[in-house]
Amino acid sequence: MKAAQFWDLETVRIGDVAPPTIQDLDDVVVRVTTAAICGSDLHLYRGDIPGIKPGTVLGHEYVGRVEAVGPRVKTVQVGDRVVGTFHVACGLCSLCRLGQFHQCQRGGVLGYGMAFGDYPGAQAEWVRVPWGDVNLRRIPDAMADDSALFAGDIFTTAYGAVKNANLAPGESVAVIGAGPVGLMAVMAAQTLGAGVVYSIDRDTVRAEQASAFGARPVPSDRTNPVRRILKDTGGLGVDVVIEAVGGPTTLSLAFQLVRGGGRVSALGVTAEAHWDYPLMTALTRDISFRVGLANIHRDIDEVLRLLASGRVDPTQVISHRLPLEDAAEGYRLFHQQMATKVVLEVG
């Protein structure tokens, strides 16, 4: 089968690899119809994530049809249209039973190398999904692939980060980063009842794009975001900050933007091992801080219902639709910030 494979820094090629088969009783093989390049895939592309071998099949955002099922699979059957969670969980370990599927003791991330389970990815014609009952959701025929695709990772990731911040109706929100996941956070905040939402990005064009989604753009290459938001909020700061970039600089900015008693929720993927946490600031200003991988399983069903209702349309961020054979070009465009979201049409 054809698949997008990592070979070296900033080098992705389409290769022929053996198609997956049922290996365990709970496996499902999905024929991929649509996949996407995620912003976190760029960390692999740039060499920021250890443990990815040359030839690794990439990708963890996908929609498709069930091609084969293991004998223990109960919730999906051959022919069903499905979307998969980007991280796979067993559903049986002690942490899964607590609802912490993203901390599964046997799980990992599709297409993300040896450090994350060494599962082949979904930017391919077929993908094997372990524990299919846990990691797949059926989608209605009326829902387009492009829409369902966002439930398996990017929109649900942002939606969960906003939920983690315990946003109350009418509260103000600042989203740091106007890339795809940042734009999803803007949408999610509005969907969950935010009042004013600010979108901060050092790229003026990207910041301004967020205005189409109802946010107030704050281009930090031209405007000091701390001064701007303190001015707008009477010196208080916003109720909630969603950090959607990753790394020390934007995390530190988040603590400057949030009001006393406010919340910071970080979802940006980072390769940094350490960051100087502003302990005294957090203590004296009573700031709550949360960071962690997205618990997609917790929120995916809610998000699918939301998408089906038409209340939110994350497909607006798609800038490029390319055939799988052009995946390398999609990575290049995304890496060079010439794309906001790249969808790969597979079959």
C-alpha atoms as a PDB file:
ATOM      1  CA  MET A   1       0.000   0.000   0.000  1.00  0.00           C
ATOM      2  CA  LYS A   2       1.005   3.640  -0.406  1.00  0.00           C
ATOM      3  CA  ALA A   3       2.016   5.490   2.764  1.00  0.00           C
ATOM      4  CA  ALA A   4       3.724   8.720   3.814  1.00  0.00           C
ATOM      5  CA  GLN A   5       6.986   7.810   5.546  1.00  0.00           C
ATOM      6  CA  PHE A   6       9.510   9.768   7.573  1.00  0.00           C
ATOM      7  CA  TRP A   7      13.065   9.261   6.301  1.00  0.00           C
ATOM      8  CA  ASP A   8      15.173  12.119   7.640  1.00  0.00           C
ATOM      9  CA  LEU A   9      14.913  15.682   8.889  1.00  0.00           C
ATOM     10  CA  GLU A  10      12.332  17.493   6.743  1.00  0.00           C
ATOM     11  CA  THR A  11      12.177  14.480   4.439  1.00  0.00           C
ATOM     12  CA  VAL A  12       8.887  12.680   3.841  1.00  0.00           C
ATOM     13  CA  ARG A  13       8.415  10.273   0.944  1.00  0.00           C
ATOM     14  CA  ILE A  14       5.579   8.151  -0.369  1.00  0.00           C
ATOM     15  CA  GLY A  15       6.562   4.521  -0.270  1.00  0.00           C
ATOM     16  CA  ASP A  16       5.114   1.049  -0.700  1.00  0.00           C
ATOM     17  CA  VAL A  17       4.701  -0.803   2.590  1.00  0.00           C
ATOM     18  CA  ALA A  18       2.950  -4.011   3.538  1.00  0.00           C
ATOM     19  CA  PRO A  19      -0.735  -3.439   4.314  1.00  0.00           C
ATOM     20  CA  PRO A  20      -1.764  -4.034   7.933  1.00  0.00           C
ATOM     21  CA  THR A  21      -3.538  -7.165   9.088  1.00  0.00           C
ATOM     22  CA  ILE A  22      -5.473  -8.213  12.161  1.00  0.00           C
ATOM     23  CA  GLN A  23      -2.822  -9.113  14.745  1.00  0.00           C
ATOM     24  CA  ASP A  24      -4.806  -9.153  17.990  1.00  0.00           C
ATOM     25  CA  LEU A  25      -8.364 -10.065  18.916  1.00  0.00           C
ATOM     26  CA  ASP A  26      -9.366  -6.412  19.425  1.00  0.00           C
ATOM     27  CA  ASP A  27      -7.788  -5.017  16.231  1.00  0.00           C
ATOM     28  CA  VAL A  28      -9.603  -3.213  13.443  1.00  0.00           C
ATOM     29  CA  VAL A  29      -8.159  -2.484  10.006  1.00  0.00           C
ATOM     30  CA  VAL A  30      -9.497   0.743   8.502  1.00  0.00           C
ATOM     31  CA  ARG A  31      -9.323   1.705   4.840  1.00  0.00           C
ATOM     32  CA  VAL A  32      -8.410   5.369   5.106  1.00  0.00           C
ATOM     33  CA  THR A  33     -10.428   7.759   2.964  1.00  0.00           C
ATOM     34  CA  THR A  34      -9.148  11.060   4.367  1.00  0.00           C
ATOM     35  CA  ALA A  35      -6.158  11.915   6.541  1.00  0.00           C
ATOM     36  CA  ALA A  36      -4.545  15.154   7.650  1.00  0.00           C
ATOM     37  CA  ILE A  37      -1.219  16.603   8.668  1.00  0.00           C
ATOM     38  CA  CYS A  38      -1.297  17.752  12.279  1.00  0.00           C
ATOM     39  CA  GLY A  39       0.814  20.558  13.696  1.00  0.00           C
ATOM     40  CA  SER A  40       2.356  18.030  16.077  1.00  0.00           C
ATOM     41  CA  ASP A  41       3.530  16.012  13.043  1.00  0.00           C
ATOM     42  CA  LEU A  42       5.849  18.913  12.327  1.00  0.00           C
ATOM     43  CA  HIS A  43       7.760  18.154  15.534  1.00  0.00           C
ATOM     44  CA  LEU A  44       8.668  14.801  13.975  1.00  0.00           C
ATOM     45  CA  TYR A  45       9.417  16.437  10.651  1.00  0.00           C
ATOM     46  CA  ARG A  46      11.836  18.847  12.362  1.00  0.00           C
ATOM     47  CA  GLY A  47      13.489  16.159  14.465  1.00  0.00           C
ATOM     48  CA  ASP A  48      12.231  17.423  17.827  1.00  0.00           C
ATOM     49  CA  ILE A  49      10.762  14.085  18.974  1.00  0.00           C
ATOM     50  CA  PRO A  50      13.111  11.173  19.748  1.00  0.00           C
ATOM     51  CA  GLY A  51      12.568   7.579  18.719  1.00  0.00           C
ATOM     52  CA  ILE A  52      11.258   7.905  15.167  1.00  0.00           C
ATOM     53  CA  LYS A  53      12.957   5.498  12.775  1.00  0.00           C
ATOM     54  CA  PRO A  54      13.494   6.045   9.043  1.00  0.00           C
ATOM     55  CA  GLY A  55      10.563   4.483   7.219  1.00  0.00           C
ATOM     56  CA  THR A  56       8.021   5.181   9.975  1.00  0.00           C
ATOM     57  CA  VAL A  57       4.521   5.649   8.552  1.00  0.00           C
ATOM     58  CA  LEU A  58       3.262   9.031   9.743  1.00  0.00           C
ATOM     59  CA  GLY A  59      -0.105  10.450  10.694  1.00  0.00           C
ATOM     60  CA  HIS A  60      -2.748  10.228  13.404  1.00  0.00           C
ATOM     61  CA  GLU A  61      -5.715  12.187  12.024  1.00  0.00           C
ATOM     62  CA  TYR A  62      -7.918  10.040   9.813  1.00  0.00           C
ATOM     63  CA  VAL A  63     -11.385   8.973   8.692  1.00  0.00           C
ATOM     64  CA  GLY A  64     -12.183   5.782   6.821  1.00  0.00           C
ATOM     65  CA  ARG A  65     -14.233   2.624   6.483  1.00  0.00           C
ATOM     66  CA  VAL A  66     -13.789  -0.544   8.479  1.00  0.00           C
ATOM     67  CA  GLU A  67     -12.140  -3.195   6.345  1.00  0.00           C
ATOM     68  CA  ALA A  68     -11.638  -6.018   8.860  1.00  0.00           C
ATOM     69  CA  VAL A  69     -12.312  -6.643  12.553  1.00  0.00           C
ATOM     70  CA  GLY A  70     -10.864  -8.949  15.176  1.00  0.00           C
ATOM     71  CA  PRO A  71     -13.139 -11.541  16.812  1.00  0.00           C
ATOM     72  CA  ARG A  72     -13.563  -9.531  20.043  1.00  0.00           C
ATOM     73  CA  VAL A  73     -14.631  -6.272  18.362  1.00  0.00           C
ATOM     74  CA  LYS A  74     -18.267  -5.390  19.117  1.00  0.00           C
ATOM     75  CA  THR A  75     -18.973  -1.718  18.385  1.00  0.00           C
ATOM     76  CA  VAL A  76     -17.956  -1.463  14.716  1.00  0.00           C
ATOM     77  CA  GLN A  77     -18.306  -3.785  11.773  1.00  0.00           C
ATOM     78  CA  VAL A  78     -17.029  -4.059   8.228  1.00  0.00           C
ATOM     79  CA  GLY A  79     -18.308  -1.181   6.104  1.00  0.00           C
ATOM     80  CA  ASP A  80     -18.862   1.311   8.947  1.00  0.00           C
ATOM     81  CA  ARG A  81     -17.542   4.833   8.462  1.00  0.00           C
ATOM     82  CA  VAL A  82     -15.324   5.701  11.398  1.00  0.00           C
ATOM     83  CA  VAL A  83     -13.065   8.363  12.848  1.00  0.00           C
ATOM     84  CA  GLY A  84     -10.186   7.364  15.090  1.00  0.00           C
ATOM     85  CA  THR A  85      -8.728   8.972  18.188  1.00  0.00           C
ATOM     86  CA  PHE A  86      -5.170  10.123  17.604  1.00  0.00           C
ATOM     87  CA  HIS A  87      -3.927   8.365  20.727  1.00  0.00           C
ATOM     88  CA  VAL A  88      -4.837   4.742  21.246  1.00  0.00           C
ATOM     89  CA  ALA A  89      -5.882   3.346  24.611  1.00  0.00           C
ATOM     90  CA  CYS A  90      -6.601  -0.171  25.819  1.00  0.00           C
ATOM     91  CA  GLY A  91      -9.685   0.710  27.864  1.00  0.00           C
ATOM     92  CA  LEU A  92      -8.742  -1.936  30.443  1.00  0.00           C
ATOM     93  CA  CYS A  93      -5.794  -0.679  32.501  1.00  0.00           C
ATOM     94  CA  SER A  94      -6.263   1.105  35.805  1.00  0.00           C
ATOM     95  CA  LEU A  95      -5.859   4.579  34.287  1.00  0.00           C
ATOM     96  CA  CYS A  96      -8.287   3.921  31.428  1.00  0.00           C
ATOM     97  CA  ARG A  97     -10.827   2.730  33.993  1.00  0.00           C
ATOM     98  CA  LEU A  98     -10.419   6.091  35.729  1.00  0.00           C
ATOM     99  CA  GLY A  99     -11.252   7.791  32.419  1.00  0.00           C
ATOM    100  CA  GLN A 100      -7.639   8.871  31.885  1.00  0.00           C
ATOM    101  CA  PHE A 101      -7.381   7.293  28.445  1.00  0.00           C
ATOM    102  CA  HIS A 102      -4.539   9.623  27.437  1.00  0.00           C
ATOM    103  CA  GLN A 103      -2.458   8.076  30.218  1.00  0.00           C
ATOM    104  CA  CYS A 104      -3.124   4.481  29.156  1.00  0.00           C
ATOM    105  CA  GLN A 105      -0.396   2.166  30.405  1.00  0.00           C
ATOM    106  CA  ARG A 106      -0.359   0.264  27.103  1.00  0.00           C
ATOM    107  CA  GLY A 107      -1.340   2.974  24.661  1.00  0.00           C
ATOM    108  CA  GLY A 108       0.462   5.439  22.437  1.00  0.00           C
ATOM    109  CA  VAL A 109       0.062   7.703  19.420  1.00  0.00           C
ATOM    110  CA  LEU A 110      -0.337   6.499  15.849  1.00  0.00           C
ATOM    111  CA  GLY A 111       2.622   7.384  13.640  1.00  0.00           C
ATOM    112  CA  TYR A 112       4.646   9.004  16.415  1.00  0.00           C
ATOM    113  CA  GLY A 113       7.607   6.680  16.781  1.00  0.00           C
ATOM    114  CA  MET A 114       9.037   4.330  19.357  1.00  0.00           C
ATOM    115  CA  ALA A 115       8.561   6.681  22.307  1.00  0.00           C
ATOM    116  CA  PHE A 116       4.804   6.576  21.736  1.00  0.00           C
ATOM    117  CA  GLY A 117       4.142   2.895  21.138  1.00  0.00           C
ATOM    118  CA  ASP A 118       5.680   2.508  17.673  1.00  0.00           C
ATOM    119  CA  TYR A 119       2.273   2.233  15.982  1.00  0.00           C
ATOM    120  CA  PRO A 120       2.282   2.761  12.185  1.00  0.00           C
ATOM    121  CA  GLY A 121       0.397   5.897  11.244  1.00  0.00           C
ATOM    122  CA  ALA A 122      -2.694   6.711   9.219  1.00  0.00           C
ATOM    123  CA  GLN A 123      -1.304   8.760   6.327  1.00  0.00           C
ATOM    124  CA  ALA A 124      -1.665   5.574   4.340  1.00  0.00           C
ATOM    125  CA  GLU A 125      -4.218   3.567   2.415  1.00  0.00           C
ATOM    126  CA  TRP A 126      -4.931   1.370   5.457  1.00  0.00           C
ATOM    127  CA  VAL A 127      -4.211   1.569   9.172  1.00  0.00           C
ATOM    128  CA  ARG A 128      -4.393  -0.997  11.958  1.00  0.00           C
ATOM    129  CA  VAL A 129      -6.202   0.342  15.015  1.00  0.00           C
ATOM    130  CA  PRO A 130      -5.527  -1.547  18.271  1.00  0.00           C
ATOM    131  CA  TRP A 131      -8.476  -1.933  20.672  1.00  0.00           C
ATOM    132  CA  GLY A 132     -10.888  -0.796  17.987  1.00  0.00           C
ATOM    133  CA  ASP A 133     -13.906  -0.674  20.308  1.00  0.00           C
ATOM    134  CA  VAL A 134     -12.136   1.953  22.400  1.00  0.00           C
ATOM    135  CA  ASN A 135     -10.411   4.001  19.712  1.00  0.00           C
ATOM    136  CA  LEU A 136     -12.951   4.230  16.887  1.00  0.00           C
ATOM    137  CA  ARG A 137     -16.270   6.034  16.630  1.00  0.00           C
ATOM    138  CA  ARG A 138     -18.888   5.460  13.957  1.00  0.00           C
ATOM    139  CA  ILE A 139     -19.881   8.568  12.038  1.00  0.00           C
ATOM    140  CA  PRO A 140     -23.138   9.180  10.184  1.00  0.00           C
ATOM    141  CA  ASP A 141     -23.187   9.084   6.414  1.00  0.00           C
ATOM    142  CA  ALA A 142     -24.425  12.676   6.395  1.00  0.00           C
ATOM    143  CA  MET A 143     -21.224  13.914   8.055  1.00  0.00           C
ATOM    144  CA  ALA A 144     -18.469  14.751   5.594  1.00  0.00           C
ATOM    145  CA  ASP A 145     -14.988  13.314   6.069  1.00  0.00           C
ATOM    146  CA  ASP A 146     -13.547  16.823   6.370  1.00  0.00           C
ATOM    147  CA  SER A 147     -15.752  17.574   9.355  1.00  0.00           C
ATOM    148  CA  ALA A 148     -15.407  14.241  11.152  1.00  0.00           C
ATOM    149  CA  LEU A 149     -11.635  14.424  10.777  1.00  0.00           C
ATOM    150  CA  PHE A 150     -11.460  17.231  13.340  1.00  0.00           C
ATOM    151  CA  ALA A 151     -13.101  15.133  16.050  1.00  0.00           C
ATOM    152  CA  GLY A 152     -10.224  12.646  16.255  1.00  0.00           C
ATOM    153  CA  ASP A 153      -7.673  15.228  17.315  1.00  0.00           C
ATOM    154  CA  ILE A 154      -7.369  18.922  16.618  1.00  0.00           C
ATOM    155  CA  PHE A 155     -10.803  20.332  17.488  1.00  0.00           C
ATOM    156  CA  THR A 156     -11.357  17.899  20.353  1.00  0.00           C
ATOM    157  CA  THR A 157      -7.887  18.728  21.678  1.00  0.00           C
ATOM    158  CA  ALA A 158      -8.727  22.434  21.765  1.00  0.00           C
ATOM    159  CA  TYR A 159     -12.218  21.804  23.108  1.00  0.00           C
ATOM    160  CA  GLY A 160     -10.788  19.717  25.941  1.00  0.00           C
ATOM    161  CA  ALA A 161      -8.208  22.376  26.839  1.00  0.00           C
ATOM    162  CA  VAL A 162     -10.951  24.980  27.175  1.00  0.00           C
ATOM    163  CA  LYS A 163     -13.033  22.580  29.279  1.00  0.00           C
ATOM    164  CA  ASN A 164      -9.993  21.951  31.475  1.00  0.00           C
ATOM    165  CA  ALA A 165      -9.914  25.694  32.207  1.00  0.00           C
ATOM    166  CA  ASN A 166     -13.454  25.514  33.655  1.00  0.00           C
ATOM    167  CA  LEU A 167     -14.594  28.388  31.464  1.00  0.00           C
ATOM    168  CA  ALA A 168     -17.733  30.082  32.775  1.00  0.00           C
ATOM    169  CA  PRO A 169     -20.217  31.766  30.405  1.00  0.00           C
ATOM    170  CA  GLY A 170     -19.186  35.294  29.507  1.00  0.00           C
ATOM    171  CA  GLU A 171     -15.588  35.005  30.698  1.00  0.00           C
ATOM    172  CA  SER A 172     -12.762  36.516  28.664  1.00  0.00           C
ATOM    173  CA  VAL A 173     -10.205  34.306  26.956  1.00  0.00           C
ATOM    174  CA  ALA A 174      -6.819  34.900  25.348  1.00  0.00           C
ATOM    175  CA  VAL A 175      -5.555  32.245  22.949  1.00  0.00           C
ATOM    176  CA  ILE A 176      -1.808  32.369  22.351  1.00  0.00           C
ATOM    177  CA  GLY A 177      -1.046  31.100  18.856  1.00  0.00           C
ATOM    178  CA  ALA A 178      -3.195  31.466  15.757  1.00  0.00           C
ATOM    179  CA  GLY A 179      -2.137  28.278  14.049  1.00  0.00           C
ATOM    180  CA  PRO A 180      -4.715  25.562  13.377  1.00  0.00           C
ATOM    181  CA  VAL A 181      -5.046  24.411  16.991  1.00  0.00           C
ATOM    182  CA  GLY A 182      -5.171  28.024  18.194  1.00  0.00           C
ATOM    183  CA  LEU A 183      -8.016  28.770  15.803  1.00  0.00           C
ATOM    184  CA  MET A 184      -9.768  25.640  17.073  1.00  0.00           C
ATOM    185  CA  ALA A 185      -9.364  26.974  20.620  1.00  0.00           C
ATOM    186  CA  VAL A 186     -10.989  30.252  19.563  1.00  0.00           C
ATOM    187  CA  MET A 187     -13.942  28.303  18.153  1.00  0.00           C
ATOM    188  CA  ALA A 188     -14.144  26.038  21.176  1.00  0.00           C
ATOM    189  CA  ALA A 189     -14.089  28.960  23.617  1.00  0.00           C
ATOM    190  CA  GLN A 190     -16.935  30.642  21.799  1.00  0.00           C
ATOM    191  CA  THR A 191     -18.886  27.395  21.620  1.00  0.00           C
ATOM    192  CA  LEU A 192     -18.482  26.936  25.376  1.00  0.00           C
ATOM    193  CA  GLY A 193     -19.810  30.415  26.111  1.00  0.00           C
ATOM    194  CA  ALA A 194     -16.826  32.787  26.244  1.00  0.00           C
ATOM    195  CA  GLY A 195     -17.364  36.508  26.052  1.00  0.00           C
ATOM    196  CA  VAL A 196     -14.450  38.349  24.457  1.00  0.00           C
ATOM    197  CA  VAL A 197     -11.813  36.099  22.870  1.00  0.00           C
ATOM    198  CA  TYR A 198      -8.391  37.465  21.930  1.00  0.00           C
ATOM    199  CA  SER A 199      -6.082  35.770  19.427  1.00  0.00           C
ATOM    200  CA  ILE A 200      -2.387  36.497  19.881  1.00  0.00           C
ATOM    201  CA  ASP A 201       0.255  35.638  17.307  1.00  0.00           C
ATOM    202  CA  ARG A 202       3.534  37.244  16.299  1.00  0.00           C
ATOM    203  CA  ASP A 203       2.547  36.780  12.655  1.00  0.00           C
ATOM    204  CA  THR A 204       0.175  39.606  11.776  1.00  0.00           C
ATOM    205  CA  VAL A 205      -1.533  37.682   8.977  1.00  0.00           C
ATOM    206  CA  ARG A 206      -2.240  34.700  11.216  1.00  0.00           C
ATOM    207  CA  ALA A 207      -3.501  36.904  14.035  1.00  0.00           C
ATOM    208  CA  GLU A 208      -5.797  38.761  11.678  1.00  0.00           C
ATOM    209  CA  GLN A 209      -7.163  35.460  10.320  1.00  0.00           C
ATOM    210  CA  ALA A 210      -8.660  34.798  13.735  1.00  0.00           C
ATOM    211  CA  SER A 211     -11.009  37.773  13.313  1.00  0.00           C
ATOM    212  CA  ALA A 212     -12.941  35.657  10.785  1.00  0.00           C
ATOM    213  CA  PHE A 213     -13.663  33.299  13.676  1.00  0.00           C
ATOM    214  CA  GLY A 214     -14.920  36.073  15.962  1.00  0.00           C
ATOM    215  CA  ALA A 215     -11.704  36.781  17.888  1.00  0.00           C
ATOM    216  CA  ARG A 216     -10.052  40.119  18.503  1.00  0.00           C
ATOM    217  CA  PRO A 217      -6.641  39.866  16.814  1.00  0.00           C
ATOM    218  CA  VAL A 218      -3.536  40.917  18.744  1.00  0.00           C
ATOM    219  CA  PRO A 219      -0.512  40.787  16.398  1.00  0.00           C
ATOM    220  CA  SER A 220       2.380  40.700  18.847  1.00  0.00           C
ATOM    221  CA  ASP A 221       4.903  41.820  16.219  1.00  0.00           C
ATOM    222  CA  ARG A 222       3.167  45.211  16.240  1.00  0.00           C
ATOM    223  CA  THR A 223       1.390  45.355  19.597  1.00  0.00           C
ATOM    224  CA  ASN A 224       2.524  44.496  23.109  1.00  0.00           C
ATOM    225  CA  PRO A 225      -0.077  41.858  24.014  1.00  0.00           C
ATOM    226  CA  VAL A 226       0.262  42.385  27.769  1.00  0.00           C
ATOM    227  CA  ARG A 227      -0.328  46.143  27.497  1.00  0.00           C
ATOM    228  CA  ARG A 228      -3.207  45.639  25.086  1.00  0.00           C
ATOM    229  CA  ILE A 229      -5.065  43.111  27.208  1.00  0.00           C
ATOM    230  CA  LEU A 230      -4.431  44.899  30.500  1.00  0.00           C
ATOM    231  CA  LYS A 231      -5.770  48.077  28.921  1.00  0.00           C
ATOM    232  CA  ASP A 232      -8.870  46.303  27.610  1.00  0.00           C
ATOM    233  CA  THR A 233      -9.551  44.626  30.959  1.00  0.00           C
ATOM    234  CA  GLY A 234      -8.965  47.609  33.231  1.00  0.00           C
ATOM    235  CA  GLY A 235      -5.636  46.246  34.407  1.00  0.00           C
ATOM    236  CA  LEU A 236      -7.007  42.864  35.478  1.00  0.00           C
ATOM    237  CA  GLY A 237      -6.064  40.465  32.681  1.00  0.00           C
ATOM    238  CA  VAL A 238      -8.257  37.813  31.094  1.00  0.00           C
ATOM    239  CA  ASP A 239     -10.081  35.096  32.997  1.00  0.00           C
ATOM    240  CA  VAL A 240      -8.572  32.251  30.959  1.00  0.00           C
ATOM    241  CA  VAL A 241      -5.472  31.850  28.793  1.00  0.00           C
ATOM    242  CA  ILE A 242      -5.173  28.976  26.338  1.00  0.00           C
ATOM    243  CA  GLU A 243      -1.538  28.427  25.340  1.00  0.00           C
ATOM    244  CA  ALA A 244      -1.533  26.773  21.902  1.00  0.00           C
ATOM    245  CA  VAL A 245       2.113  27.026  20.820  1.00  0.00           C
ATOM    246  CA  GLY A 246       4.321  25.178  23.299  1.00  0.00           C
ATOM    247  CA  GLY A 247       7.577  26.312  24.869  1.00  0.00           C
ATOM    248  CA  PRO A 248       8.867  28.632  27.610  1.00  0.00           C
ATOM    249  CA  THR A 249       8.242  31.949  25.863  1.00  0.00           C
ATOM    250  CA  THR A 250       4.513  31.562  25.336  1.00  0.00           C
ATOM    251  CA  LEU A 251       3.986  29.830  28.674  1.00  0.00           C
ATOM    252  CA  SER A 252       5.607  32.785  30.430  1.00  0.00           C
ATOM    253  CA  LEU A 253       3.432  35.170  28.431  1.00  0.00           C
ATOM    254  CA  ALA A 254       0.327  33.295  29.566  1.00  0.00           C
ATOM    255  CA  PHE A 255       1.079  34.106  33.207  1.00  0.00           C
ATOM    256  CA  GLN A 256       1.404  37.786  32.331  1.00  0.00           C
ATOM    257  CA  LEU A 257      -1.981  37.858  30.607  1.00  0.00           C
ATOM    258  CA  VAL A 258      -4.151  36.047  33.147  1.00  0.00           C
ATOM    259  CA  ARG A 259      -5.939  37.856  35.981  1.00  0.00           C
ATOM    260  CA  GLY A 260      -5.503  37.039  39.637  1.00  0.00           C
ATOM    261  CA  GLY A 261      -7.517  33.914  40.370  1.00  0.00           C
ATOM    262  CA  GLY A 262      -7.570  33.041  36.660  1.00  0.00           C
ATOM    263  CA  ARG A 263      -6.645  29.865  34.823  1.00  0.00           C
ATOM    264  CA  VAL A 264      -3.984  28.914  32.287  1.00  0.00           C
ATOM    265  CA  SER A 265      -4.550  25.802  30.164  1.00  0.00           C
ATOM    266  CA  ALA A 266      -1.637  24.738  27.958  1.00  0.00           C
ATOM    267  CA  LEU A 267      -2.082  22.421  24.983  1.00  0.00           C
ATOM    268  CA  GLY A 268       0.882  23.367  22.788  1.00  0.00           C
ATOM    269  CA  VAL A 269       3.249  20.449  22.146  1.00  0.00           C
ATOM    270  CA  THR A 270       6.772  21.157  23.347  1.00  0.00           C
ATOM    271  CA  ALA A 271      10.109  19.386  23.150  1.00  0.00           C
ATOM    272  CA  GLU A 272      11.509  21.366  26.090  1.00  0.00           C
ATOM    273  CA  ALA A 273      12.401  19.290  29.148  1.00  0.00           C
ATOM    274  CA  HIS A 274      12.265  22.187  31.618  1.00  0.00           C
ATOM    275  CA  TRP A 275      10.711  25.598  32.133  1.00  0.00           C
ATOM    276  CA  ASP A 276      11.136  28.022  35.023  1.00  0.00           C
ATOM    277  CA  TYR A 277       7.669  27.909  36.534  1.00  0.00           C
ATOM    278  CA  PRO A 278       6.686  31.296  38.030  1.00  0.00           C
ATOM    279  CA  LEU A 279       5.943  29.806  41.424  1.00  0.00           C
ATOM    280  CA  MET A 280       5.725  33.058  43.416  1.00  0.00           C
ATOM    281  CA  THR A 281       3.455  34.648  40.794  1.00  0.00           C
ATOM    282  CA  ALA A 282       1.173  31.619  40.766  1.00  0.00           C
ATOM    283  CA  LEU A 283       1.069  31.585  44.567  1.00  0.00           C
ATOM    284  CA  THR A 284       0.441  35.239  45.234  1.00  0.00           C
ATOM    285  CA  ARG A 285      -1.999  35.704  42.358  1.00  0.00           C
ATOM    286  CA  ASP A 286      -3.782  32.355  42.902  1.00  0.00           C
ATOM    287  CA  ILE A 287      -3.312  31.212  39.296  1.00  0.00           C
ATOM    288  CA  SER A 288      -4.319  27.704  38.297  1.00  0.00           C
ATOM    289  CA  PHE A 289      -2.144  26.031  35.658  1.00  0.00           C
ATOM    290  CA  ARG A 290      -2.876  22.862  33.750  1.00  0.00           C
ATOM    291  CA  VAL A 291      -0.894  21.171  31.010  1.00  0.00           C
ATOM    292  CA  GLY A 292      -1.124  17.723  29.468  1.00  0.00           C
ATOM    293  CA  LEU A 293      -1.924  15.573  26.484  1.00  0.00           C
ATOM    294  CA  ALA A 294      -5.501  15.748  25.268  1.00  0.00           C
ATOM    295  CA  ASN A 295      -7.932  13.144  26.582  1.00  0.00           C
ATOM    296  CA  ILE A 296      -9.697  12.713  23.244  1.00  0.00           C
ATOM    297  CA  HIS A 297     -11.784   9.748  24.410  1.00  0.00           C
ATOM    298  CA  ARG A 298     -13.343  11.889  27.129  1.00  0.00           C
ATOM    299  CA  ASP A 299     -14.690  14.505  24.713  1.00  0.00           C
ATOM    300  CA  ILE A 300     -14.970  12.947  21.245  1.00  0.00           C
ATOM    301  CA  ASP A 301     -18.625  11.908  21.487  1.00  0.00           C
ATOM    302  CA  GLU A 302     -19.639  15.366  22.670  1.00  0.00           C
ATOM    303  CA  VAL A 303     -17.675  16.944  19.829  1.00  0.00           C
ATOM    304  CA  LEU A 304     -19.208  14.628  17.219  1.00  0.00           C
ATOM    305  CA  ARG A 305     -22.679  15.673  18.377  1.00  0.00           C
ATOM    306  CA  LEU A 306     -21.619  19.305  18.192  1.00  0.00           C
ATOM    307  CA  LEU A 307     -20.287  18.871  14.655  1.00  0.00           C
ATOM    308  CA  ALA A 308     -23.439  17.049  13.574  1.00  0.00           C
ATOM    309  CA  SER A 309     -25.564  19.916  14.898  1.00  0.00           C
ATOM    310  CA  GLY A 310     -23.796  22.407  12.646  1.00  0.00           C
ATOM    311  CA  ARG A 311     -23.079  24.778  15.546  1.00  0.00           C
ATOM    312  CA  VAL A 312     -19.394  24.802  14.709  1.00  0.00           C
ATOM    313  CA  ASP A 313     -17.513  24.322  11.432  1.00  0.00           C
ATOM    314  CA  PRO A 314     -13.794  23.665  11.943  1.00  0.00           C
ATOM    315  CA  THR A 315     -13.309  22.877   8.242  1.00  0.00           C
ATOM    316  CA  GLN A 316     -12.911  26.624   7.686  1.00  0.00           C
ATOM    317  CA  VAL A 317      -9.230  26.287   8.594  1.00  0.00           C
ATOM    318  CA  ILE A 318      -8.470  23.867   5.746  1.00  0.00           C
ATOM    319  CA  SER A 319      -6.200  25.640   3.290  1.00  0.00           C
ATOM    320  CA  HIS A 320      -5.014  22.730   1.123  1.00  0.00           C
ATOM    321  CA  ARG A 321      -6.469  19.432  -0.075  1.00  0.00           C
ATOM    322  CA  LEU A 322      -3.863  17.213  -1.660  1.00  0.00           C
ATOM    323  CA  PRO A 323      -3.709  13.593  -2.780  1.00  0.00           C
ATOM    324  CA  LEU A 324      -1.761  11.270  -0.503  1.00  0.00           C
ATOM    325  CA  GLU A 325       0.956  11.130  -3.162  1.00  0.00           C
ATOM    326  CA  ASP A 326       1.647  14.838  -2.488  1.00  0.00           C
ATOM    327  CA  ALA A 327       2.080  14.454   1.274  1.00  0.00           C
ATOM    328  CA  ALA A 328       5.693  15.645   1.099  1.00  0.00           C
ATOM    329  CA  GLU A 329       4.519  18.902  -0.449  1.00  0.00           C
ATOM    330  CA  GLY A 330       1.882  19.218   2.260  1.00  0.00           C
ATOM    331  CA  TYR A 331       4.557  18.906   4.946  1.00  0.00           C
ATOM    332  CA  ARG A 332       6.703  21.504   3.207  1.00  0.00           C
ATOM    333  CA  LEU A 333       3.833  23.992   2.971  1.00  0.00           C
ATOM    334  CA  PHE A 334       2.858  23.468   6.598  1.00  0.00           C
ATOM    335  CA  HIS A 335       6.458  23.691   7.824  1.00  0.00           C
ATOM    336  CA  GLN A 336       6.965  26.974   5.979  1.00  0.00           C
ATOM    337  CA  GLN A 337       3.681  28.371   7.383  1.00  0.00           C
ATOM    338  CA  MET A 338       2.170  28.547   3.911  1.00  0.00           C
ATOM    339  CA  ALA A 339      -0.757  26.349   5.006  1.00  0.00           C
ATOM    340  CA  THR A 340      -3.141  26.383   7.947  1.00  0.00           C
ATOM    341  CA  LYS A 341      -4.449  22.830   7.595  1.00  0.00           C
ATOM    342  CA  VAL A 342      -3.518  20.221   5.004  1.00  0.00           C
ATOM    343  CA  VAL A 343      -5.998  17.426   4.262  1.00  0.00           C
ATOM    344  CA  LEU A 344      -4.795  14.360   2.361  1.00  0.00           C
ATOM    345  CA  GLU A 345      -7.314  12.634   0.099  1.00  0.00           C
ATOM    346  CA  VAL A 346      -6.552   8.941   0.183  1.00  0.00           C
ATOM    347  CA  GLY A 347      -9.375   6.930  -1.303  1.00  0.00           C
END
